[in-house]
């Protein structure tokens, strides 16, 4: 028993200086090796070559600041630019432009997409049916018939142009992730200064047109093998006249801002939709 007690009593303090040095060196080697192994095992973040195509909903109209390009109204508050700020190292070719139709994308924007492109986003189709102008016209006249007529002709107007856009992007960037973002419903169930001149019936029909447009774009995206992300859910509760709107209502001093996403609509709406779509 005494001998046993003497063994326990020696502890670390009884080790020779040389053995302590060797023990310390061994522990240090384990720590360094573990750090190197962990660094090697961690997957390296890949930086995207990102091309942002499309219309005013992608360029950032409605955010009130267009320092990137005044003519196309490209904003640092638009979701493509915000995405790059969240993902350092991303290379952005930002060519979305206010007023762009499918024909503009195919003739003026597609050149930005190359075989090196790894990510493409867009909102497109709204200007082909004159959506924003149609809603604006509702403020000065009864637009119910025009809304109904536009909804009824969506397939005839958009089927071929959307197919051409999606397939052109796929051909130009065969290895890219292609994300098509949809349009939201503009109106809530309440009225305010932002809906000046637009009746309850017109608001309901405008939202129905947004639903039909959503269905049309989703159908073509699915048929053409590109990712479609609906915006209607994310903007529900944030329409014009809501407590926390993601969309501008009628702006009498700058009508071009009307019925477009606010800065919150870009950051909390579209950016979050894109981020979720790209999350494994």
Protein backbone atom coordinates (compact mmCIF):
# COMPACT_ATOMS: atom_id res chain seq x y z
CA UNK A 1 0.00 0.00 0.00
CA UNK A 2 2.70 2.58 0.79
CA UNK A 3 4.36 1.91 -2.57
CA UNK A 4 1.04 2.39 -4.32
CA UNK A 5 0.46 5.64 -2.53
CA UNK A 6 3.91 6.89 -3.55
CA UNK A 7 3.10 6.18 -7.25
CA UNK A 8 -0.06 8.34 -7.16
CA UNK A 9 1.69 11.05 -5.31
CA UNK A 10 4.33 11.60 -7.98
CA UNK A 11 1.91 13.22 -10.53
CA UNK A 12 3.11 15.51 -13.32
CA UNK A 13 5.49 17.35 -11.00
CA UNK A 14 7.58 14.18 -10.67
CA UNK A 15 8.29 14.05 -14.45
CA UNK A 16 11.77 15.08 -15.52
CA UNK A 17 12.24 18.39 -17.44
CA UNK A 18 13.20 16.46 -20.57
CA UNK A 19 10.05 14.35 -20.45
CA UNK A 20 7.93 17.49 -19.88
CA UNK A 21 9.47 19.08 -22.99
CA UNK A 22 8.76 15.98 -25.07
CA UNK A 23 5.18 15.82 -23.76
CA UNK A 24 4.59 19.49 -24.57
CA UNK A 25 5.97 19.05 -28.08
CA UNK A 26 3.71 16.06 -28.67
CA UNK A 27 0.62 17.98 -27.53
CA UNK A 28 1.55 20.95 -29.73
CA UNK A 29 1.94 18.65 -32.73
CA UNK A 30 -1.52 17.21 -32.11
CA UNK A 31 -3.07 20.69 -31.96
CA UNK A 32 -1.32 21.84 -35.15
CA UNK A 33 -2.18 18.63 -37.01
CA UNK A 34 -5.80 18.88 -35.93
CA UNK A 35 -6.02 22.48 -37.15
CA UNK A 36 -4.48 21.63 -40.53
CA UNK A 37 -6.75 18.61 -40.93
CA UNK A 38 -9.85 20.65 -40.11
CA UNK A 39 -8.84 23.34 -42.59
CA UNK A 40 -8.21 20.73 -45.28
CA UNK A 41 -11.51 18.97 -44.59
CA UNK A 42 -13.58 22.18 -44.73
CA UNK A 43 -14.98 22.75 -48.23
CA UNK A 44 -13.69 25.88 -49.92
CA UNK A 45 -16.33 28.52 -50.65
CA UNK A 46 -16.85 28.94 -54.36
CA UNK A 47 -17.27 32.44 -55.76
CA UNK A 48 -19.92 32.74 -58.45
CA UNK A 49 -19.63 34.45 -61.80
CA UNK A 50 -23.06 36.04 -61.50
CA UNK A 51 -25.08 37.67 -64.27
CA UNK A 52 -28.23 39.57 -63.29
CA UNK A 53 -30.66 39.91 -66.19
CA UNK A 54 -34.18 41.25 -66.47
CA UNK A 55 -36.36 44.26 -65.91
CA UNK A 56 -37.04 46.98 -63.33
CA UNK A 57 -37.88 44.53 -60.56
CA UNK A 58 -34.30 43.26 -60.86
CA UNK A 59 -32.57 46.57 -61.61
CA UNK A 60 -33.97 48.15 -58.45
CA UNK A 61 -36.61 50.63 -59.62
CA UNK A 62 -38.52 51.80 -56.58
CA UNK A 63 -35.52 52.07 -54.27
CA UNK A 64 -34.93 55.74 -55.08
CA UNK A 65 -31.18 55.51 -55.78
CA UNK A 66 -29.62 54.57 -59.13
CA UNK A 67 -25.92 55.26 -58.75
CA UNK A 68 -24.87 52.13 -60.65
CA UNK A 69 -26.62 53.17 -63.87
CA UNK A 70 -29.05 56.07 -64.13
CA UNK A 71 -30.38 55.12 -67.57
CA UNK A 72 -31.33 51.56 -66.63
CA UNK A 73 -32.01 52.53 -63.01
CA UNK A 74 -29.66 49.99 -61.48
CA UNK A 75 -29.43 50.33 -57.73
CA UNK A 76 -27.09 49.24 -54.96
CA UNK A 77 -30.31 48.37 -53.11
CA UNK A 78 -31.41 45.85 -55.74
CA UNK A 79 -31.22 42.17 -54.83
CA UNK A 80 -28.40 41.30 -57.30
CA UNK A 81 -26.04 43.85 -55.77
CA UNK A 82 -27.14 42.97 -52.23
CA UNK A 83 -26.39 39.32 -52.97
CA UNK A 84 -22.79 40.13 -53.86
CA UNK A 85 -22.37 42.02 -50.59
CA UNK A 86 -23.44 38.89 -48.72
CA UNK A 87 -21.11 36.68 -50.80
CA UNK A 88 -17.64 38.24 -51.03
CA UNK A 89 -15.67 37.28 -54.10
CA UNK A 90 -18.75 37.04 -56.30
CA UNK A 91 -18.21 38.62 -59.72
CA UNK A 92 -21.35 40.48 -60.81
CA UNK A 93 -22.33 41.48 -64.33
CA UNK A 94 -25.41 43.58 -63.61
CA UNK A 95 -27.30 44.22 -66.86
CA UNK A 96 -30.95 44.21 -65.73
CA UNK A 97 -32.62 47.34 -67.05
CA UNK A 98 -35.82 49.25 -66.36
CA UNK A 99 -38.40 48.67 -69.05
CA UNK A 100 -36.75 45.53 -70.43
CA UNK A 101 -38.89 43.02 -72.30
CA UNK A 102 -37.97 39.51 -73.36
CA UNK A 103 -36.81 40.92 -76.71
CA UNK A 104 -34.44 43.32 -74.92
CA UNK A 105 -32.98 40.51 -72.86
CA UNK A 106 -32.31 38.52 -76.04
CA UNK A 107 -30.74 41.40 -77.95
CA UNK A 108 -29.08 43.59 -75.31
CA UNK A 109 -28.44 41.52 -72.20
CA UNK A 110 -27.71 37.93 -73.24
CA UNK A 111 -24.15 38.85 -74.31
CA UNK A 112 -23.23 39.13 -70.64
CA UNK A 113 -23.91 35.40 -70.18
CA UNK A 114 -20.96 33.16 -71.08
CA UNK A 115 -19.76 29.61 -70.56
CA UNK A 116 -17.94 30.86 -67.45
CA UNK A 117 -21.18 32.11 -65.87
CA UNK A 118 -22.21 30.06 -62.83
CA UNK A 119 -25.31 31.96 -61.66
CA UNK A 120 -28.03 33.80 -63.60
CA UNK A 121 -31.08 35.54 -62.15
CA UNK A 122 -33.93 37.47 -63.72
CA UNK A 123 -37.42 38.86 -63.50
CA UNK A 124 -38.91 39.04 -66.97
CA UNK A 125 -42.26 39.11 -68.72
CA UNK A 126 -44.00 41.90 -66.86
CA UNK A 127 -43.19 44.53 -69.48
CA UNK A 128 -44.24 42.24 -72.32
CA UNK A 129 -47.79 42.54 -71.02
CA UNK A 130 -47.36 46.17 -69.91
CA UNK A 131 -48.13 45.29 -66.29
CA UNK A 132 -46.82 48.41 -64.53
CA UNK A 133 -48.26 50.78 -67.13
CA UNK A 134 -51.55 48.94 -67.03
CA UNK A 135 -51.81 49.37 -63.25
CA UNK A 136 -50.87 53.02 -63.54
CA UNK A 137 -53.62 53.54 -66.11
CA UNK A 138 -56.10 52.22 -63.57
CA UNK A 139 -55.62 55.48 -61.65
CA UNK A 140 -57.04 57.58 -64.46
CA UNK A 141 -59.65 55.29 -66.02
CA UNK A 142 -61.56 52.05 -65.53
CA UNK A 143 -59.09 49.31 -66.36
CA UNK A 144 -61.17 46.24 -65.51
CA UNK A 145 -61.70 45.16 -69.11
CA UNK A 146 -58.03 45.67 -69.97
CA UNK A 147 -56.95 43.58 -66.96
CA UNK A 148 -59.29 40.76 -67.99
CA UNK A 149 -58.13 40.89 -71.60
CA UNK A 150 -54.45 40.83 -70.62
CA UNK A 151 -54.95 37.84 -68.35
CA UNK A 152 -56.79 35.95 -71.08
CA UNK A 153 -53.98 36.46 -73.60
CA UNK A 154 -51.00 35.59 -71.38
CA UNK A 155 -50.15 32.30 -73.07
CA UNK A 156 -50.31 33.78 -76.55
CA UNK A 157 -48.16 36.72 -75.48
CA UNK A 158 -45.53 34.96 -73.36
CA UNK A 159 -45.19 31.27 -74.22
CA UNK A 160 -42.73 31.63 -77.09
CA UNK A 161 -40.75 34.64 -75.78
CA UNK A 162 -40.18 33.03 -72.37
CA UNK A 163 -39.08 29.77 -73.97
CA UNK A 164 -36.64 31.71 -76.13
CA UNK A 165 -35.19 33.54 -73.12
CA UNK A 166 -34.79 30.50 -70.91
CA UNK A 167 -33.28 28.35 -73.63
CA UNK A 168 -30.93 31.12 -74.78
CA UNK A 169 -29.56 31.49 -71.25
CA UNK A 170 -29.17 27.72 -70.88
CA UNK A 171 -27.29 27.54 -74.17
CA UNK A 172 -24.99 30.43 -73.30
CA UNK A 173 -24.24 29.13 -69.78
CA UNK A 174 -24.79 25.36 -69.77
CA UNK A 175 -23.33 24.89 -66.28
CA UNK A 176 -25.01 27.84 -64.59
CA UNK A 177 -27.71 27.81 -61.95
CA UNK A 178 -30.59 29.78 -63.51
CA UNK A 179 -33.11 31.34 -61.12
CA UNK A 180 -36.22 33.06 -62.45
CA UNK A 181 -38.00 35.17 -59.83
CA UNK A 182 -41.69 35.91 -60.09
CA UNK A 183 -43.80 39.00 -59.49
CA UNK A 184 -45.91 39.67 -56.38
CA UNK A 185 -49.49 40.74 -55.96
CA UNK A 186 -49.40 44.51 -55.76
CA UNK A 187 -52.48 45.23 -53.67
CA UNK A 188 -53.80 44.34 -50.23
CA UNK A 189 -57.45 44.40 -49.20
CA UNK A 190 -57.26 48.00 -48.03
CA UNK A 191 -56.99 51.32 -49.83
CA UNK A 192 -54.84 54.36 -49.12
CA UNK A 193 -53.23 57.26 -50.96
CA UNK A 194 -51.04 54.70 -52.74
CA UNK A 195 -54.11 53.23 -54.46
CA UNK A 196 -55.58 56.58 -55.47
CA UNK A 197 -58.10 56.12 -58.30
CA UNK A 198 -58.01 52.32 -58.22
CA UNK A 199 -61.26 50.66 -57.19
CA UNK A 200 -61.61 47.54 -55.08
CA UNK A 201 -62.67 45.59 -58.19
CA UNK A 202 -59.62 46.79 -60.12
CA UNK A 203 -57.30 45.86 -57.25
CA UNK A 204 -58.79 42.37 -57.13
CA UNK A 205 -58.42 41.93 -60.89
CA UNK A 206 -54.86 43.26 -60.83
CA UNK A 207 -53.96 40.67 -58.21
CA UNK A 208 -55.67 37.99 -60.29
CA UNK A 209 -53.50 39.05 -63.23
CA UNK A 210 -50.41 38.72 -61.02
CA UNK A 211 -51.52 35.18 -60.12
CA UNK A 212 -52.04 34.31 -63.79
CA UNK A 213 -48.64 35.76 -64.69
CA UNK A 214 -47.06 33.72 -61.90
CA UNK A 215 -48.65 30.55 -63.25
CA UNK A 216 -47.57 31.33 -66.81
CA UNK A 217 -43.91 31.99 -65.97
CA UNK A 218 -43.76 29.00 -63.62
CA UNK A 219 -45.10 26.74 -66.35
CA UNK A 220 -42.58 27.86 -68.96
CA UNK A 221 -39.69 27.69 -66.46
CA UNK A 222 -40.64 24.13 -65.54
CA UNK A 223 -40.96 23.08 -69.19
CA UNK A 224 -37.57 24.61 -70.00
CA UNK A 225 -35.75 23.19 -67.00
CA UNK A 226 -34.88 26.34 -65.07
CA UNK A 227 -35.60 27.17 -61.44
CA UNK A 228 -38.64 29.34 -60.76
CA UNK A 229 -39.19 31.07 -57.42
CA UNK A 230 -42.63 32.46 -56.64
CA UNK A 231 -42.71 35.91 -55.01
CA UNK A 232 -46.40 35.99 -54.08
CA UNK A 233 -45.99 34.29 -50.71
CA UNK A 234 -43.03 36.39 -49.60
CA UNK A 235 -44.86 39.63 -50.40
CA UNK A 236 -48.19 38.60 -48.84
CA UNK A 237 -48.86 40.99 -45.98
CA UNK A 238 -46.47 43.53 -47.51
CA UNK A 239 -48.49 44.84 -50.46
CA UNK A 240 -49.35 48.46 -51.13
CA UNK A 241 -51.21 50.02 -48.16
CA UNK A 242 -50.05 47.33 -45.72
CA UNK A 243 -48.41 48.14 -42.37
CA UNK A 244 -44.95 47.20 -43.68
CA UNK A 245 -45.10 47.46 -47.48
CA UNK A 246 -42.50 45.89 -49.74
CA UNK A 247 -44.03 47.74 -52.70
CA UNK A 248 -44.46 51.43 -53.47
CA UNK A 249 -47.92 52.69 -54.10
CA UNK A 250 -48.73 55.49 -56.52
CA UNK A 251 -46.03 58.16 -56.39
CA UNK A 252 -47.49 61.32 -57.90
CA UNK A 253 -44.09 63.08 -57.85
CA UNK A 254 -42.21 60.23 -59.56
CA UNK A 255 -44.65 57.89 -61.24
CA UNK A 256 -41.89 55.56 -62.41
CA UNK A 257 -41.33 54.46 -58.82
CA UNK A 258 -44.97 53.42 -58.49
CA UNK A 259 -45.84 49.73 -57.91
CA UNK A 260 -42.21 48.63 -57.69
CA UNK A 261 -40.37 47.02 -54.75
CA UNK A 262 -39.09 49.27 -52.00
CA UNK A 263 -35.66 48.76 -50.48
CA UNK A 264 -37.30 46.39 -48.01
CA UNK A 265 -38.95 44.57 -50.90
CA UNK A 266 -35.54 44.00 -52.43
CA UNK A 267 -33.71 43.00 -49.24
CA UNK A 268 -36.40 41.18 -47.25
CA UNK A 269 -38.34 40.00 -50.29
CA UNK A 270 -36.27 39.17 -53.37
CA UNK A 271 -32.86 38.74 -51.73
CA UNK A 272 -34.29 36.29 -49.21
CA UNK A 273 -36.07 34.37 -51.96
CA UNK A 274 -32.85 34.09 -53.96
CA UNK A 275 -30.80 33.09 -50.91
CA UNK A 276 -33.28 30.36 -50.02
CA UNK A 277 -33.34 29.08 -53.60
CA UNK A 278 -29.55 28.76 -53.60
CA UNK A 279 -29.27 27.13 -50.18
CA UNK A 280 -28.51 23.40 -50.49
